[in-house]
Amino acid sequence: MADGRRVVSVHEIPGHTGKEAAAIYEPRGRIECAEIPPAVEEILDDIFGRNLSSIQYVYPDAVRNNGWFYVEYGVGQFVNPHVDYHGRIGDPWPGVLATVSLSIHNADVGGQFFVESSGDSSVWEEPHRARRGLDWSTPSFRDQRRVRWTAQHEPGDMLIWGSQVVHGTVPVQAGRSCKFLTQLLTAETEGTDV
């Protein structure tokens, strides 16, 4: 962090540094921690394991997650709309199926999660596969007409969205929004560090 802003991001954008990606995805910063205490990770993995059969009802190819990380948003902080794709550049397809968010504290005002939909077919490079560049670094994406659908999941609830769904968060106006995130992985990613 520098001046309260993230200098790197878990997100990546081809042709951009981690610092540039952080400024595009989280322009007002956020707290992010990938090193979760083992006792906390054990609790999170137990929650995930107990819910895996329900998750597989919607994502039958899901076999595991890729570890948890923590994010926290303060006043004015948010994530710009973007697509996560199927994982890091070069990962096997389909690889990452979805992201799981486990809310532990909601902001007093703002901070809600959203997905956006569009009738613009230019988002697809082939059937069922979103093209690269669906993030705030691309002028055509910023200018695209989309409809926003907002959700507030309560503490203790899991919210799951597909890896190719446009999503983000609205700015926190009061309080803090805190959650743990992980990604659903397929059998194709077994033995790989996604």
Protein backbone atom coordinates (compact mmCIF):
# COMPACT_ATOMS: atom_id res chain seq x y z
CA MET A 1 0.00 0.00 0.00
CA ALA A 2 1.11 3.55 -0.69
CA ASP A 3 -0.87 6.57 0.51
CA GLY A 4 -3.73 4.20 1.41
CA ARG A 5 -3.92 2.80 -2.13
CA ARG A 6 -2.99 -0.68 -3.27
CA VAL A 7 0.16 -0.79 -5.37
CA VAL A 8 -0.52 -4.28 -6.75
CA SER A 9 -3.66 -6.27 -7.49
CA VAL A 10 -4.78 -9.90 -7.61
CA HIS A 11 -6.24 -8.85 -10.95
CA GLU A 12 -4.06 -8.71 -14.02
CA ILE A 13 -4.32 -6.85 -17.31
CA PRO A 14 -2.10 -7.82 -20.26
CA GLY A 15 0.36 -5.03 -20.98
CA HIS A 16 -0.13 -3.37 -17.56
CA THR A 17 1.93 -3.57 -14.40
CA GLY A 18 0.43 -4.75 -11.11
CA LYS A 19 0.42 -1.13 -9.94
CA GLU A 20 -1.52 -0.06 -13.04
CA ALA A 21 -3.99 -2.94 -12.61
CA ALA A 22 -4.61 -1.94 -8.98
CA ALA A 23 -5.33 1.65 -10.04
CA ILE A 24 -7.80 0.41 -12.68
CA TYR A 25 -9.61 -2.22 -10.62
CA GLU A 26 -9.48 -0.63 -7.16
CA PRO A 27 -8.87 3.07 -7.85
CA ARG A 28 -9.52 4.12 -4.24
CA GLY A 29 -7.67 1.11 -2.79
CA ARG A 30 -8.74 -1.74 -0.54
CA ILE A 31 -7.21 -3.95 2.11
CA GLU A 32 -6.27 -7.34 0.72
CA CYS A 33 -4.62 -10.19 2.58
CA ALA A 34 -3.65 -13.51 0.98
CA GLU A 35 -2.00 -14.91 4.12
CA ILE A 36 -4.86 -16.27 6.21
CA PRO A 37 -4.05 -17.74 9.67
CA PRO A 38 -4.23 -21.57 9.52
CA ALA A 39 -7.03 -21.75 12.12
CA VAL A 40 -9.16 -19.32 10.09
CA GLU A 41 -8.41 -21.16 6.84
CA GLU A 42 -9.46 -24.43 8.50
CA ILE A 43 -12.83 -22.89 9.44
CA LEU A 44 -13.30 -21.50 5.92
CA ASP A 45 -12.40 -24.85 4.32
CA ASP A 46 -14.86 -26.61 6.62
CA ILE A 47 -17.62 -24.19 5.55
CA PHE A 48 -16.69 -24.74 1.91
CA GLY A 49 -16.63 -28.55 2.31
CA ARG A 50 -20.04 -28.59 4.00
CA ASN A 51 -21.49 -26.58 1.11
CA LEU A 52 -19.69 -28.24 -1.82
CA SER A 53 -22.58 -30.54 -2.74
CA SER A 54 -24.91 -27.53 -2.95
CA ILE A 55 -22.32 -25.63 -5.00
CA GLN A 56 -21.99 -28.62 -7.34
CA TYR A 57 -25.72 -28.46 -8.02
CA VAL A 58 -25.01 -25.28 -10.02
CA TYR A 59 -21.33 -25.93 -10.84
CA PRO A 60 -21.11 -29.74 -11.22
CA ASP A 61 -17.46 -29.55 -12.36
CA ALA A 62 -16.33 -27.80 -9.15
CA VAL A 63 -13.98 -30.04 -7.15
CA ARG A 64 -12.08 -27.66 -4.83
CA ASN A 65 -11.17 -24.07 -4.17
CA ASN A 66 -7.78 -22.40 -4.58
CA GLY A 67 -7.37 -20.99 -1.08
CA TRP A 68 -8.93 -18.00 0.59
CA PHE A 69 -8.01 -14.34 0.70
CA TYR A 70 -9.48 -11.46 2.67
CA VAL A 71 -10.67 -8.11 1.29
CA GLU A 72 -11.95 -5.06 3.11
CA TYR A 73 -13.35 -1.81 1.73
CA GLY A 74 -13.55 1.46 3.64
CA VAL A 75 -15.40 4.67 2.85
CA GLY A 76 -15.11 5.61 -0.83
CA GLN A 77 -13.59 2.27 -1.84
CA PHE A 78 -15.04 -0.03 -4.52
CA VAL A 79 -14.13 -2.33 -7.41
CA ASN A 80 -14.80 -1.18 -10.98
CA PRO A 81 -16.89 -3.51 -13.22
CA HIS A 82 -14.83 -6.31 -14.75
CA VAL A 83 -14.74 -9.99 -15.73
CA ASP A 84 -12.47 -12.46 -13.90
CA TYR A 85 -12.30 -14.88 -16.85
CA HIS A 86 -11.31 -18.45 -16.19
CA GLY A 87 -8.19 -17.70 -14.16
CA ARG A 88 -4.76 -16.28 -14.78
CA ILE A 89 -3.56 -15.86 -18.35
CA GLY A 90 -2.40 -19.25 -19.65
CA ASP A 91 -4.38 -21.34 -17.14
CA PRO A 92 -6.23 -24.38 -18.52
CA TRP A 93 -9.76 -23.86 -19.79
CA PRO A 94 -12.24 -23.91 -18.11
CA GLY A 95 -10.03 -23.87 -14.98
CA VAL A 96 -11.66 -21.36 -12.64
CA LEU A 97 -15.44 -21.70 -12.79
CA ALA A 98 -16.58 -19.04 -10.35
CA THR A 99 -15.71 -16.89 -7.37
CA VAL A 100 -17.12 -17.46 -3.89
CA SER A 101 -17.58 -14.55 -1.49
CA LEU A 102 -18.23 -15.21 2.19
CA SER A 103 -19.39 -11.98 3.83
CA ILE A 104 -18.35 -11.35 7.43
CA HIS A 105 -19.35 -7.69 7.82
CA ASN A 106 -21.42 -5.35 5.66
CA ALA A 107 -20.84 -1.63 5.34
CA ASP A 108 -23.41 0.54 7.10
CA VAL A 109 -24.18 2.25 3.76
CA GLY A 110 -23.03 1.13 0.29
CA GLY A 111 -20.52 -1.57 -0.57
CA GLN A 112 -23.04 -3.86 -2.27
CA PHE A 113 -21.94 -6.40 -4.85
CA PHE A 114 -23.35 -6.12 -8.39
CA VAL A 115 -23.42 -7.96 -11.69
CA GLU A 116 -24.06 -6.28 -15.00
CA SER A 117 -25.70 -7.66 -18.13
CA SER A 118 -25.63 -6.46 -21.72
CA GLY A 119 -27.07 -7.47 -25.06
CA ASP A 120 -23.78 -6.55 -26.73
CA SER A 121 -22.42 -9.73 -28.38
CA SER A 122 -18.93 -8.20 -28.66
CA VAL A 123 -18.18 -9.42 -25.14
CA TRP A 124 -17.70 -12.96 -26.48
CA GLU A 125 -14.66 -14.15 -28.45
CA GLU A 126 -16.31 -17.54 -28.96
CA PRO A 127 -19.38 -19.23 -27.50
CA HIS A 128 -19.13 -19.42 -23.70
CA ARG A 129 -15.81 -17.60 -23.53
CA ALA A 130 -15.52 -13.89 -22.74
CA ARG A 131 -12.97 -11.87 -24.69
CA ARG A 132 -10.07 -10.22 -22.88
CA GLY A 133 -10.31 -6.52 -22.16
CA LEU A 134 -13.60 -6.56 -20.25
CA ASP A 135 -12.33 -4.22 -17.58
CA TRP A 136 -12.10 -0.49 -16.91
CA SER A 137 -8.84 -0.19 -18.91
CA THR A 138 -10.75 -0.62 -22.19
CA PRO A 139 -12.67 2.43 -23.50
CA SER A 140 -15.21 0.29 -25.40
CA PHE A 141 -16.01 -1.60 -22.20
CA ARG A 142 -16.36 1.61 -20.17
CA ASP A 143 -18.75 3.00 -22.83
CA GLN A 144 -20.81 -0.19 -23.23
CA ARG A 145 -24.45 0.02 -22.16
CA ARG A 146 -25.14 -2.42 -19.33
CA VAL A 147 -27.87 -3.06 -16.77
CA ARG A 148 -26.71 -3.32 -13.14
CA TRP A 149 -28.19 -5.86 -10.71
CA THR A 150 -27.22 -5.19 -7.09
CA ALA A 151 -27.18 -7.70 -4.22
CA GLN A 152 -26.33 -7.49 -0.54
CA HIS A 153 -25.41 -10.83 0.97
CA GLU A 154 -25.67 -10.94 4.72
CA PRO A 155 -22.78 -11.91 7.03
CA GLY A 156 -22.34 -15.68 6.91
CA ASP A 157 -23.90 -15.97 3.44
CA MET A 158 -21.97 -17.19 0.41
CA LEU A 159 -22.40 -15.37 -2.87
CA ILE A 160 -21.14 -17.17 -6.01
CA TRP A 161 -20.75 -15.71 -9.50
CA GLY A 162 -19.39 -17.18 -12.71
CA SER A 163 -15.88 -16.30 -13.80
CA GLN A 164 -17.16 -14.64 -16.97
CA VAL A 165 -19.80 -12.44 -15.37
CA VAL A 166 -19.28 -8.67 -15.31
CA HIS A 167 -19.26 -7.68 -11.63
CA GLY A 168 -17.96 -5.17 -9.10
CA THR A 169 -18.96 -3.32 -5.93
CA VAL A 170 -20.55 0.06 -5.31
CA PRO A 171 -18.59 2.55 -3.17
CA VAL A 172 -18.82 2.19 0.59
CA GLN A 173 -20.44 5.33 2.01
CA ALA A 174 -20.26 4.49 5.73
CA GLY A 175 -18.60 1.70 7.72
CA ARG A 176 -16.57 -1.16 6.27
CA SER A 177 -17.32 -4.13 4.01
CA CYS A 178 -15.33 -7.27 4.88
CA LYS A 179 -15.33 -10.65 3.14
CA PHE A 180 -13.31 -13.74 2.33
CA LEU A 181 -12.99 -14.80 -1.31
CA THR A 182 -11.93 -17.98 -3.09
CA GLN A 183 -12.38 -19.47 -6.54
CA LEU A 184 -14.06 -22.71 -7.63
CA LEU A 185 -11.71 -24.97 -9.56
CA THR A 186 -12.33 -27.87 -11.93
CA ALA A 187 -10.57 -31.23 -12.14
CA GLU A 188 -8.46 -29.76 -14.98
CA THR A 189 -6.72 -27.58 -12.42
CA GLU A 190 -5.87 -30.44 -10.02
CA GLY A 191 -2.21 -30.25 -9.12
CA THR A 192 -1.78 -26.74 -10.51
CA ASP A 193 -1.39 -23.55 -8.52
CA VAL A 194 -4.03 -21.29 -10.03
